[in-house]
Amino acid sequence: VLSIEATFDLIKRFGFASGRDTDKFTGYNDHYR
């Protein structure tokens, strides 16, 4: 759930690119299983 602390860069990372050719999590450390 996105909070008011969310940045436009975060939304661009996960909302603007297709995951078919891009690993959206590459170089992004702030995620856990």
Full PDB file with SEQRES, HELIX, SHEET, SSBOND, CRYST1, ORIGX, SCALE, CONECT and MASTER records, all heavy atoms in Angstrom:
SEQRES   1 A   33  VAL LEU SER ILE GLU ALA THR PHE ASP LEU ILE LYS ARG          
SEQRES   2 A   33  PHE GLY PHE ALA SER GLY ARG ASP THR ASP LYS PHE THR          
SEQRES   3 A   33  GLY TYR ASN ASP HIS TYR ARG                                  
HELIX    1 AA1 PHE A    8  GLY A   15  1                                   8    
CRYST1    1.000    1.000    1.000  90.00  90.00  90.00 P 1           1          
ORIGX1      1.000000  0.000000  0.000000        0.00000                         
ORIGX2      0.000000  1.000000  0.000000        0.00000                         
ORIGX3      0.000000  0.000000  1.000000        0.00000                         
SCALE1      1.000000  0.000000  0.000000        0.00000                         
SCALE2      0.000000  1.000000  0.000000        0.00000                         
SCALE3      0.000000  0.000000  1.000000        0.00000                         
ATOM      1  N   VAL A   1       0.851  -1.194   0.000  1.00  0.00           N  
ATOM      2  CA  VAL A   1       0.000   0.000   0.000  1.00  0.00           C  
ATOM      3  C   VAL A   1       0.886   1.244   0.000  1.00  0.00           C  
ATOM      4  O   VAL A   1       1.630   1.478   0.953  1.00  0.00           O  
ATOM      5  CB  VAL A   1      -0.931   0.011   1.235  1.00  0.00           C  
ATOM      6  CG1 VAL A   1      -1.891   1.197   1.155  1.00  0.00           C  
ATOM      7  CG2 VAL A   1      -1.706  -1.307   1.354  1.00  0.00           C  
ATOM      8  N   LEU A   2       0.808   2.043  -1.058  1.00  0.00           N  
ATOM      9  CA  LEU A   2       1.649   3.237  -1.145  1.00  0.00           C  
ATOM     10  C   LEU A   2       1.185   4.296  -0.152  1.00  0.00           C  
ATOM     11  O   LEU A   2      -0.011   4.528   0.021  1.00  0.00           O  
ATOM     12  CB  LEU A   2       1.628   3.805  -2.556  1.00  0.00           C  
ATOM     13  CG  LEU A   2       2.389   2.971  -3.595  1.00  0.00           C  
ATOM     14  CD1 LEU A   2       2.199   3.548  -4.984  1.00  0.00           C  
ATOM     15  CD2 LEU A   2       3.864   2.884  -3.262  1.00  0.00           C  
ATOM     16  N   SER A   3       2.151   4.944   0.475  1.00  0.00           N  
ATOM     17  CA  SER A   3       1.863   6.003   1.443  1.00  0.00           C  
ATOM     18  C   SER A   3       2.199   7.357   0.835  1.00  0.00           C  
ATOM     19  O   SER A   3       2.715   7.442  -0.288  1.00  0.00           O  
ATOM     20  CB  SER A   3       2.691   5.793   2.719  1.00  0.00           C  
ATOM     21  OG  SER A   3       4.040   6.153   2.483  1.00  0.00           O  
ATOM     22  N   ILE A   4       1.936   8.415   1.578  1.00  0.00           N  
ATOM     23  CA  ILE A   4       2.261   9.753   1.079  1.00  0.00           C  
ATOM     24  C   ILE A   4       3.771   9.977   0.999  1.00  0.00           C  
ATOM     25  O   ILE A   4       4.218  10.976   0.449  1.00  0.00           O  
ATOM     26  CB  ILE A   4       1.608  10.853   1.948  1.00  0.00           C  
ATOM     27  CG1 ILE A   4       2.089  10.761   3.397  1.00  0.00           C  
ATOM     28  CG2 ILE A   4       0.088  10.777   1.867  1.00  0.00           C  
ATOM     29  CD1 ILE A   4       1.637  11.928   4.269  1.00  0.00           C  
ATOM     30  N   GLU A   5       4.570   9.033   1.507  1.00  0.00           N  
ATOM     31  CA  GLU A   5       6.028   9.101   1.385  1.00  0.00           C  
ATOM     32  C   GLU A   5       6.510   8.568   0.036  1.00  0.00           C  
ATOM     33  O   GLU A   5       7.693   8.684  -0.292  1.00  0.00           O  
ATOM     34  CB  GLU A   5       6.684   8.274   2.499  1.00  0.00           C  
ATOM     35  CG  GLU A   5       6.388   8.779   3.900  1.00  0.00           C  
ATOM     36  CD  GLU A   5       7.192  10.014   4.219  1.00  0.00           C  
ATOM     37  OE1 GLU A   5       8.424   9.946   4.182  1.00  0.00           O  
ATOM     38  OE2 GLU A   5       6.573  11.058   4.492  1.00  0.00           O  
ATOM     39  N   ALA A   6       5.618   7.976  -0.763  1.00  0.00           N  
ATOM     40  CA  ALA A   6       6.019   7.414  -2.056  1.00  0.00           C  
ATOM     41  C   ALA A   6       6.538   8.515  -2.975  1.00  0.00           C  
ATOM     42  O   ALA A   6       6.017   9.630  -2.983  1.00  0.00           O  
ATOM     43  CB  ALA A   6       4.838   6.705  -2.705  1.00  0.00           C  
ATOM     44  N   THR A   7       7.568   8.188  -3.741  1.00  0.00           N  
ATOM     45  CA  THR A   7       8.134   9.156  -4.689  1.00  0.00           C  
ATOM     46  C   THR A   7       7.659   8.826  -6.100  1.00  0.00           C  
ATOM     47  O   THR A   7       7.237   7.703  -6.388  1.00  0.00           O  
ATOM     48  CB  THR A   7       9.669   9.107  -4.670  1.00  0.00           C  
ATOM     49  OG1 THR A   7      10.094   7.799  -5.114  1.00  0.00           O  
ATOM     50  CG2 THR A   7      10.213   9.372  -3.269  1.00  0.00           C  
ATOM     51  N   PHE A   8       7.758   9.819  -6.970  1.00  0.00           N  
ATOM     52  CA  PHE A   8       7.386   9.577  -8.360  1.00  0.00           C  
ATOM     53  C   PHE A   8       8.339   8.565  -8.991  1.00  0.00           C  
ATOM     54  O   PHE A   8       7.934   7.768  -9.840  1.00  0.00           O  
ATOM     55  CB  PHE A   8       7.391  10.887  -9.142  1.00  0.00           C  
ATOM     56  CG  PHE A   8       6.774  10.753 -10.503  1.00  0.00           C  
ATOM     57  CD1 PHE A   8       5.425  10.440 -10.654  1.00  0.00           C  
ATOM     58  CD2 PHE A   8       7.534  10.940 -11.647  1.00  0.00           C  
ATOM     59  CE1 PHE A   8       4.844  10.311 -11.908  1.00  0.00           C  
ATOM     60  CE2 PHE A   8       6.956  10.823 -12.907  1.00  0.00           C  
ATOM     61  CZ  PHE A   8       5.617  10.506 -13.035  1.00  0.00           C  
ATOM     62  N   ASP A   9       9.613   8.561  -8.590  1.00  0.00           N  
ATOM     63  CA  ASP A   9      10.571   7.589  -9.121  1.00  0.00           C  
ATOM     64  C   ASP A   9      10.146   6.161  -8.779  1.00  0.00           C  
ATOM     65  O   ASP A   9      10.295   5.248  -9.601  1.00  0.00           O  
ATOM     66  CB  ASP A   9      11.969   7.855  -8.576  1.00  0.00           C  
ATOM     67  CG  ASP A   9      12.641   9.037  -9.256  1.00  0.00           C  
ATOM     68  OD1 ASP A   9      12.160   9.450 -10.335  1.00  0.00           O  
ATOM     69  OD2 ASP A   9      13.629   9.559  -8.703  1.00  0.00           O  
ATOM     70  N   LEU A  10       9.630   5.954  -7.568  1.00  0.00           N  
ATOM     71  CA  LEU A  10       9.153   4.624  -7.173  1.00  0.00           C  
ATOM     72  C   LEU A  10       7.971   4.213  -8.051  1.00  0.00           C  
ATOM     73  O   LEU A  10       7.912   3.076  -8.544  1.00  0.00           O  
ATOM     74  CB  LEU A  10       8.734   4.641  -5.698  1.00  0.00           C  
ATOM     75  CG  LEU A  10       8.150   3.337  -5.146  1.00  0.00           C  
ATOM     76  CD1 LEU A  10       9.230   2.272  -5.015  1.00  0.00           C  
ATOM     77  CD2 LEU A  10       7.489   3.578  -3.799  1.00  0.00           C  
ATOM     78  N   ILE A  11       7.050   5.135  -8.269  1.00  0.00           N  
ATOM     79  CA  ILE A  11       5.871   4.826  -9.088  1.00  0.00           C  
ATOM     80  C   ILE A  11       6.281   4.585 -10.534  1.00  0.00           C  
ATOM     81  O   ILE A  11       5.762   3.679 -11.192  1.00  0.00           O  
ATOM     82  CB  ILE A  11       4.838   5.964  -8.965  1.00  0.00           C  
ATOM     83  CG1 ILE A  11       4.290   5.972  -7.528  1.00  0.00           C  
ATOM     84  CG2 ILE A  11       3.710   5.805  -9.966  1.00  0.00           C  
ATOM     85  CD1 ILE A  11       3.459   7.172  -7.165  1.00  0.00           C  
ATOM     86  N   LYS A  12       7.258   5.357 -11.042  1.00  0.00           N  
ATOM     87  CA  LYS A  12       7.743   5.131 -12.408  1.00  0.00           C  
ATOM     88  C   LYS A  12       8.377   3.750 -12.543  1.00  0.00           C  
ATOM     89  O   LYS A  12       8.167   3.059 -13.534  1.00  0.00           O  
ATOM     90  CB  LYS A  12       8.792   6.192 -12.776  1.00  0.00           C  
ATOM     91  CG  LYS A  12       8.203   7.486 -13.275  1.00  0.00           C  
ATOM     92  CD  LYS A  12       9.219   8.311 -14.050  1.00  0.00           C  
ATOM     93  CE  LYS A  12      10.484   8.539 -13.267  1.00  0.00           C  
ATOM     94  NZ  LYS A  12      11.427   9.433 -13.974  1.00  0.00           N  
ATOM     95  N   ARG A  13       9.170   3.363 -11.541  1.00  0.00           N  
ATOM     96  CA  ARG A  13       9.863   2.072 -11.608  1.00  0.00           C  
ATOM     97  C   ARG A  13       8.886   0.919 -11.795  1.00  0.00           C  
ATOM     98  O   ARG A  13       9.093   0.026 -12.619  1.00  0.00           O  
ATOM     99  CB  ARG A  13      10.679   1.844 -10.340  1.00  0.00           C  
ATOM    100  CG  ARG A  13      11.280   0.445 -10.237  1.00  0.00           C  
ATOM    101  CD  ARG A  13      11.942   0.232  -8.896  1.00  0.00           C  
ATOM    102  NE  ARG A  13      13.212   0.903  -8.800  1.00  0.00           N  
ATOM    103  CZ  ARG A  13      14.380   0.347  -9.134  1.00  0.00           C  
ATOM    104  NH1 ARG A  13      14.411  -0.881  -9.590  1.00  0.00           N  
ATOM    105  NH2 ARG A  13      15.489   1.023  -8.995  1.00  0.00           N  
ATOM    106  N   PHE A  14       7.803   0.942 -11.024  1.00  0.00           N  
ATOM    107  CA  PHE A  14       6.898  -0.205 -11.045  1.00  0.00           C  
ATOM    108  C   PHE A  14       5.671   0.002 -11.937  1.00  0.00           C  
ATOM    109  O   PHE A  14       4.974  -0.962 -12.233  1.00  0.00           O  
ATOM    110  CB  PHE A  14       6.466  -0.553  -9.625  1.00  0.00           C  
ATOM    111  CG  PHE A  14       7.594  -1.100  -8.805  1.00  0.00           C  
ATOM    112  CD1 PHE A  14       8.233  -0.304  -7.873  1.00  0.00           C  
ATOM    113  CD2 PHE A  14       8.043  -2.393  -8.998  1.00  0.00           C  
ATOM    114  CE1 PHE A  14       9.301  -0.801  -7.136  1.00  0.00           C  
ATOM    115  CE2 PHE A  14       9.114  -2.892  -8.268  1.00  0.00           C  
ATOM    116  CZ  PHE A  14       9.745  -2.094  -7.331  1.00  0.00           C  
ATOM    117  N   GLY A  15       5.437   1.240 -12.375  1.00  0.00           N  
ATOM    118  CA  GLY A  15       4.230   1.473 -13.146  1.00  0.00           C  
ATOM    119  C   GLY A  15       4.412   1.804 -14.608  1.00  0.00           C  
ATOM    120  O   GLY A  15       3.480   1.690 -15.384  1.00  0.00           O  
ATOM    121  N   PHE A  16       5.625   2.203 -15.012  1.00  0.00           N  
ATOM    122  CA  PHE A  16       5.773   2.736 -16.366  1.00  0.00           C  
ATOM    123  C   PHE A  16       6.459   1.803 -17.354  1.00  0.00           C  
ATOM    124  O   PHE A  16       6.506   2.117 -18.530  1.00  0.00           O  
ATOM    125  CB  PHE A  16       6.563   4.052 -16.327  1.00  0.00           C  
ATOM    126  CG  PHE A  16       5.792   5.219 -15.785  1.00  0.00           C  
ATOM    127  CD1 PHE A  16       4.629   5.036 -15.064  1.00  0.00           C  
ATOM    128  CD2 PHE A  16       6.233   6.507 -15.986  1.00  0.00           C  
ATOM    129  CE1 PHE A  16       3.913   6.108 -14.551  1.00  0.00           C  
ATOM    130  CE2 PHE A  16       5.535   7.587 -15.482  1.00  0.00           C  
ATOM    131  CZ  PHE A  16       4.374   7.388 -14.760  1.00  0.00           C  
ATOM    132  N   ALA A  17       7.042   0.711 -16.880  1.00  0.00           N  
ATOM    133  CA  ALA A  17       7.799  -0.166 -17.783  1.00  0.00           C  
ATOM    134  C   ALA A  17       7.214  -1.558 -17.786  1.00  0.00           C  
ATOM    135  O   ALA A  17       6.654  -2.016 -16.795  1.00  0.00           O  
ATOM    136  CB  ALA A  17       9.265  -0.217 -17.347  1.00  0.00           C  
ATOM    137  N   SER A  18       7.352  -2.235 -18.923  1.00  0.00           N  
ATOM    138  CA  SER A  18       6.903  -3.623 -19.008  1.00  0.00           C  
ATOM    139  C   SER A  18       7.907  -4.518 -18.303  1.00  0.00           C  
ATOM    140  O   SER A  18       9.114  -4.332 -18.424  1.00  0.00           O  
ATOM    141  CB  SER A  18       6.781  -4.047 -20.471  1.00  0.00           C  
ATOM    142  OG  SER A  18       6.611  -5.443 -20.563  1.00  0.00           O  
ATOM    143  N   GLY A  19       7.403  -5.494 -17.576  1.00  0.00           N  
ATOM    144  CA  GLY A  19       8.288  -6.442 -16.908  1.00  0.00           C  
ATOM    145  C   GLY A  19       8.722  -7.569 -17.820  1.00  0.00           C  
ATOM    146  O   GLY A  19       9.476  -8.444 -17.408  1.00  0.00           O  
ATOM    147  N   ARG A  20       8.245  -7.571 -19.069  1.00  0.00           N  
ATOM    148  CA  ARG A  20       8.622  -8.653 -19.988  1.00  0.00           C  
ATOM    149  C   ARG A  20      10.091  -8.546 -20.372  1.00  0.00           C  
ATOM    150  O   ARG A  20      10.761  -9.538 -20.563  1.00  0.00           O  
ATOM    151  CB  ARG A  20       7.735  -8.629 -21.237  1.00  0.00           C  
ATOM    152  CG  ARG A  20       6.280  -8.923 -20.908  1.00  0.00           C  
ATOM    153  CD  ARG A  20       5.425  -9.066 -22.146  1.00  0.00           C  
ATOM    154  NE  ARG A  20       4.020  -9.033 -21.789  1.00  0.00           N  
ATOM    155  CZ  ARG A  20       3.333 -10.053 -21.333  1.00  0.00           C  
ATOM    156  NH1 ARG A  20       3.928 -11.213 -21.157  1.00  0.00           N  
ATOM    157  NH2 ARG A  20       2.056  -9.942 -21.023  1.00  0.00           N  
ATOM    158  N   ASP A  21      10.599  -7.308 -20.525  1.00  0.00           N  
ATOM    159  CA  ASP A  21      12.018  -7.152 -20.881  1.00  0.00           C  
ATOM    160  C   ASP A  21      12.832  -6.522 -19.771  1.00  0.00           C  
ATOM    161  O   ASP A  21      14.009  -6.303 -19.940  1.00  0.00           O  
ATOM    162  CB  ASP A  21      12.191  -6.270 -22.145  1.00  0.00           C  
ATOM    163  CG  ASP A  21      10.894  -5.852 -22.777  1.00  0.00           C  
ATOM    164  OD1 ASP A  21       9.962  -6.553 -22.564  1.00  0.00           O  
ATOM    165  OD2 ASP A  21      10.812  -4.839 -23.468  1.00  0.00           O  
ATOM    166  N   THR A  22      12.215  -6.170 -18.650  1.00  0.00           N  
ATOM    167  CA  THR A  22      12.918  -5.461 -17.579  1.00  0.00           C  
ATOM    168  C   THR A  22      12.692  -6.156 -16.240  1.00  0.00           C  
ATOM    169  O   THR A  22      11.567  -6.520 -15.925  1.00  0.00           O  
ATOM    170  CB  THR A  22      12.383  -4.016 -17.449  1.00  0.00           C  
ATOM    171  OG1 THR A  22      12.404  -3.400 -18.714  1.00  0.00           O  
ATOM    172  CG2 THR A  22      13.193  -3.212 -16.467  1.00  0.00           C  
ATOM    173  N   ASP A  23      13.780  -6.348 -15.474  1.00  0.00           N  
ATOM    174  CA  ASP A  23      13.626  -6.811 -14.094  1.00  0.00           C  
ATOM    175  C   ASP A  23      13.486  -5.570 -13.231  1.00  0.00           C  
ATOM    176  O   ASP A  23      14.451  -4.849 -12.985  1.00  0.00           O  
ATOM    177  CB  ASP A  23      14.833  -7.642 -13.665  1.00  0.00           C  
ATOM    178  CG  ASP A  23      14.705  -8.169 -12.238  1.00  0.00           C  
ATOM    179  OD1 ASP A  23      13.777  -7.730 -11.513  1.00  0.00           O  
ATOM    180  OD2 ASP A  23      15.524  -9.007 -11.845  1.00  0.00           O  
ATOM    181  N   LYS A  24      12.278  -5.303 -12.785  1.00  0.00           N  
ATOM    182  CA  LYS A  24      12.005  -4.059 -12.068  1.00  0.00           C  
ATOM    183  C   LYS A  24      12.697  -4.004 -10.703  1.00  0.00           C  
ATOM    184  O   LYS A  24      12.813  -2.948 -10.106  1.00  0.00           O  
ATOM    185  CB  LYS A  24      10.500  -3.878 -11.893  1.00  0.00           C  
ATOM    186  CG  LYS A  24       9.765  -3.749 -13.222  1.00  0.00           C  
ATOM    187  CD  LYS A  24       8.297  -3.487 -13.016  1.00  0.00           C  
ATOM    188  CE  LYS A  24       7.567  -3.407 -14.338  1.00  0.00           C  
ATOM    189  NZ  LYS A  24       6.152  -3.067 -14.169  1.00  0.00           N  
ATOM    190  N   PHE A  25      13.153  -5.145 -10.202  1.00  0.00           N  
ATOM    191  CA  PHE A  25      13.770  -5.181  -8.878  1.00  0.00           C  
ATOM    192  C   PHE A  25      15.295  -5.087  -8.932  1.00  0.00           C  
ATOM    193  O   PHE A  25      15.933  -4.987  -7.898  1.00  0.00           O  
ATOM    194  CB  PHE A  25      13.359  -6.466  -8.148  1.00  0.00           C  
ATOM    195  CG  PHE A  25      11.883  -6.540  -7.869  1.00  0.00           C  
ATOM    196  CD1 PHE A  25      11.044  -7.237  -8.723  1.00  0.00           C  
ATOM    197  CD2 PHE A  25      11.330  -5.909  -6.773  1.00  0.00           C  
ATOM    198  CE1 PHE A  25       9.677  -7.307  -8.482  1.00  0.00           C  
ATOM    199  CE2 PHE A  25       9.968  -5.968  -6.522  1.00  0.00           C  
ATOM    200  CZ  PHE A  25       9.141  -6.665  -7.378  1.00  0.00           C  
ATOM    201  N   THR A  26      15.886  -5.122 -10.130  1.00  0.00           N  
ATOM    202  CA  THR A  26      17.340  -5.042 -10.255  1.00  0.00           C  
ATOM    203  C   THR A  26      17.856  -3.721  -9.693  1.00  0.00           C  
ATOM    204  O   THR A  26      17.355  -2.650 -10.038  1.00  0.00           O  
ATOM    205  CB  THR A  26      17.771  -5.164 -11.734  1.00  0.00           C  
ATOM    206  OG1 THR A  26      17.420  -6.454 -12.202  1.00  0.00           O  
ATOM    207  CG2 THR A  26      19.275  -4.981 -11.879  1.00  0.00           C  
ATOM    208  N   GLY A  27      18.844  -3.806  -8.805  1.00  0.00           N  
ATOM    209  CA  GLY A  27      19.425  -2.613  -8.208  1.00  0.00           C  
ATOM    210  C   GLY A  27      18.558  -1.953  -7.155  1.00  0.00           C  
ATOM    211  O   GLY A  27      18.892  -0.895  -6.643  1.00  0.00           O  
ATOM    212  N   TYR A  28      17.452  -2.608  -6.818  1.00  0.00           N  
ATOM    213  CA  TYR A  28      16.529  -2.041  -5.832  1.00  0.00           C  
ATOM    214  C   TYR A  28      16.584  -2.918  -4.593  1.00  0.00           C  
ATOM    215  O   TYR A  28      16.209  -4.086  -4.638  1.00  0.00           O  
ATOM    216  CB  TYR A  28      15.111  -2.005  -6.421  1.00  0.00           C  
ATOM    217  CG  TYR A  28      14.086  -1.390  -5.508  1.00  0.00           C  
ATOM    218  CD1 TYR A  28      14.041  -0.011  -5.311  1.00  0.00           C  
ATOM    219  CD2 TYR A  28      13.155  -2.179  -4.845  1.00  0.00           C  
ATOM    220  CE1 TYR A  28      13.101   0.549  -4.467  1.00  0.00           C  
ATOM    221  CE2 TYR A  28      12.215  -1.620  -4.010  1.00  0.00           C  
ATOM    222  CZ  TYR A  28      12.190  -0.254  -3.832  1.00  0.00           C  
ATOM    223  OH  TYR A  28      11.266   0.306  -2.995  1.00  0.00           O  
ATOM    224  N   ASN A  29      17.078  -2.384  -3.481  1.00  0.00           N  
ATOM    225  CA  ASN A  29      17.364  -3.214  -2.311  1.00  0.00           C  
ATOM    226  C   ASN A  29      16.234  -3.281  -1.289  1.00  0.00           C  
ATOM    227  O   ASN A  29      16.264  -4.124  -0.403  1.00  0.00           O  
ATOM    228  CB  ASN A  29      18.629  -2.694  -1.610  1.00  0.00           C  
ATOM    229  CG  ASN A  29      19.845  -2.770  -2.513  1.00  0.00           C  
ATOM    230  OD1 ASN A  29      19.997  -3.733  -3.248  1.00  0.00           O  
ATOM    231  ND2 ASN A  29      20.681  -1.752  -2.481  1.00  0.00           N  
ATOM    232  N   ASP A  30      15.249  -2.399  -1.395  1.00  0.00           N  
ATOM    233  CA  ASP A  30      14.258  -2.267  -0.326  1.00  0.00           C  
ATOM    234  C   ASP A  30      13.017  -3.126  -0.575  1.00  0.00           C  
ATOM    235  O   ASP A  30      11.901  -2.630  -0.630  1.00  0.00           O  
ATOM    236  CB  ASP A  30      13.870  -0.788  -0.187  1.00  0.00           C  
ATOM    237  CG  ASP A  30      13.285  -0.487   1.186  1.00  0.00           C  
ATOM    238  OD1 ASP A  30      13.388  -1.353   2.069  1.00  0.00           O  
ATOM    239  OD2 ASP A  30      12.724   0.599   1.359  1.00  0.00           O  
ATOM    240  N   HIS A  31      13.234  -4.442  -0.761  1.00  0.00           N  
ATOM    241  CA  HIS A  31      12.115  -5.355  -0.945  1.00  0.00           C  
ATOM    242  C   HIS A  31      12.460  -6.702  -0.303  1.00  0.00           C  
ATOM    243  O   HIS A  31      13.619  -7.099  -0.256  1.00  0.00           O  
ATOM    244  CB  HIS A  31      11.777  -5.533  -2.426  1.00  0.00           C  
ATOM    245  CG  HIS A  31      12.923  -6.046  -3.253  1.00  0.00           C  
ATOM    246  ND1 HIS A  31      13.961  -5.234  -3.663  1.00  0.00           N  
ATOM    247  CD2 HIS A  31      13.190  -7.270  -3.744  1.00  0.00           C  
ATOM    248  CE1 HIS A  31      14.816  -5.949  -4.370  1.00  0.00           C  
ATOM    249  NE2 HIS A  31      14.377  -7.195  -4.427  1.00  0.00           N  
ATOM    250  N   TYR A  32      11.438  -7.386   0.204  1.00  0.00           N  
ATOM    251  CA  TYR A  32      11.628  -8.634   0.936  1.00  0.00           C  
ATOM    252  C   TYR A  32      10.515  -9.604   0.565  1.00  0.00           C  
ATOM    253  O   TYR A  32       9.413  -9.195   0.192  1.00  0.00           O  
ATOM    254  CB  TYR A  32      11.615  -8.375   2.446  1.00  0.00           C  
ATOM    255  CG  TYR A  32      12.670  -7.379   2.868  1.00  0.00           C  
ATOM    256  CD1 TYR A  32      12.362  -6.023   2.952  1.00  0.00           C  
ATOM    257  CD2 TYR A  32      13.976  -7.786   3.142  1.00  0.00           C  
ATOM    258  CE1 TYR A  32      13.328  -5.088   3.311  1.00  0.00           C  
ATOM    259  CE2 TYR A  32      14.945  -6.859   3.497  1.00  0.00           C  
ATOM    260  CZ  TYR A  32      14.618  -5.518   3.580  1.00  0.00           C  
ATOM    261  OH  TYR A  32      15.575  -4.596   3.925  1.00  0.00           O  
ATOM    262  N   ARG A  33      10.786 -10.889   0.713  1.00  0.00           N  
ATOM    263  CA  ARG A  33       9.786 -11.892   0.361  1.00  0.00           C  
ATOM    264  C   ARG A  33       8.824 -12.141   1.521  1.00  0.00           C  
ATOM    265  O   ARG A  33       9.209 -12.190   2.680  1.00  0.00           O  
ATOM    266  CB  ARG A  33      10.456 -13.205  -0.038  1.00  0.00           C  
ATOM    267  CG  ARG A  33      11.212 -13.090  -1.338  1.00  0.00           C  
ATOM    268  CD  ARG A  33      11.252 -14.402  -2.108  1.00  0.00           C  
ATOM    269  NE  ARG A  33      12.112 -14.249  -3.269  1.00  0.00           N  
ATOM    270  CZ  ARG A  33      11.700 -13.815  -4.440  1.00  0.00           C  
ATOM    271  NH1 ARG A  33      10.436 -13.493  -4.608  1.00  0.00           N  
ATOM    272  NH2 ARG A  33      12.536 -13.695  -5.457  1.00  0.00           N  
TER     273      ARG A  33                                                      
MASTER        0    0    0    1    0    0    0    6  272    1    0    3          
END                                                                             
